[in-house]
Protein backbone atom coordinates (compact mmCIF):
# COMPACT_ATOMS: atom_id res chain seq x y z
CA MET A 1 64.49 -11.80 11.29
CA GLU A 2 64.84 -9.88 8.04
CA ALA A 3 62.24 -11.99 6.22
CA GLY A 4 58.85 -10.46 6.90
CA PHE A 5 60.09 -7.54 9.01
CA ASP A 6 58.64 -4.24 7.83
CA PRO A 7 60.28 -1.22 9.47
CA GLU A 8 57.68 1.15 8.05
CA ALA A 9 54.88 -0.90 9.63
CA MET A 10 56.77 -0.69 12.94
CA ILE A 11 56.91 3.12 12.61
CA VAL A 12 53.15 3.21 11.96
CA ARG A 13 52.54 1.14 15.10
CA PHE A 14 54.57 3.61 17.17
CA LYS A 15 52.55 6.53 15.74
CA GLU A 16 49.37 4.68 16.71
CA ARG A 17 50.71 4.08 20.22
CA ALA A 18 51.54 7.78 20.63
CA ALA A 19 47.99 8.70 19.58
CA ALA A 20 46.56 6.10 22.00
CA VAL A 21 48.54 7.57 24.90
CA LYS A 22 47.07 11.00 24.13
CA LYS A 23 43.55 9.51 24.33
CA ARG A 24 44.26 7.50 27.50
CA ASN A 25 41.81 8.26 30.29
CA LEU A 26 43.07 8.96 33.78
CA PRO A 27 42.17 6.25 36.25
CA PRO A 28 40.27 7.27 39.38
CA VAL A 29 43.36 7.91 41.47
CA GLY A 30 44.45 10.99 43.30
CA GLY A 31 47.45 12.68 44.78
CA GLU A 32 50.86 11.19 44.22
CA GLU A 33 49.53 8.21 42.23
CA ARG A 34 47.80 10.56 39.81
CA GLN A 35 50.99 12.55 39.27
CA MET A 36 52.95 9.33 38.67
CA PHE A 37 50.37 8.20 36.11
CA ILE A 38 50.49 11.57 34.30
CA LYS A 39 54.30 11.54 34.27
CA GLN A 40 54.36 8.02 32.84
CA ALA A 41 51.84 8.96 30.14
CA GLU A 42 53.95 11.97 29.15
CA GLU A 43 57.08 9.81 28.92
CA ASP A 44 55.23 7.10 26.95
CA PHE A 45 53.93 9.69 24.51
CA MET A 46 57.39 11.21 24.01
CA ASP A 47 59.03 7.83 23.43
CA PHE A 48 56.36 6.61 21.01
CA ALA A 49 56.21 9.94 19.15
CA VAL A 50 59.98 10.13 18.68
CA ILE A 51 60.14 6.63 17.20
CA GLY A 52 56.99 7.36 15.19
CA ASP A 53 58.81 10.29 13.54
CA ALA A 54 61.88 8.19 12.67
CA ASP A 55 63.02 7.21 9.22
CA ALA A 56 63.73 3.49 9.32
CA SER A 57 65.93 1.32 7.18
CA PHE A 58 66.62 -2.39 7.49
CA THR A 59 69.74 -3.51 5.66
CA GLU A 60 71.56 -6.81 6.03
CA GLY A 61 69.83 -7.53 9.34
CA VAL A 62 70.53 -4.12 10.86
CA LEU A 63 67.65 -1.82 11.77
CA THR A 64 68.65 1.84 11.67
CA LEU A 65 66.37 4.59 12.94
CA THR A 66 67.22 8.15 11.95
CA ILE A 67 65.59 10.72 14.20
CA ASP A 68 66.10 14.44 13.60
CA LEU A 69 65.93 16.11 17.01
CA ARG A 70 66.87 19.56 15.77
CA PRO A 71 64.35 22.34 16.37
CA PRO A 72 62.02 23.12 13.42
CA GLY A 73 63.70 25.33 10.87
CA GLU A 74 67.22 24.05 11.59
CA ALA A 75 66.95 21.02 9.31
């Protein structure tokens, strides 16, 4: 898998996915379904944004993502 795998390109794709979730239109649903859709969009955004902020390295077939979850100013 190492040949041709670009971890930085993967990170870019996750950033793009996070941005796409933010632009996602709400379907014409109401009530509980609407709340479930909103909750899923929030979780999708969080997941994609966290990976999109990662520093990636790919060494000897091992992908390592480093994600700093400390609050701003504590780094």
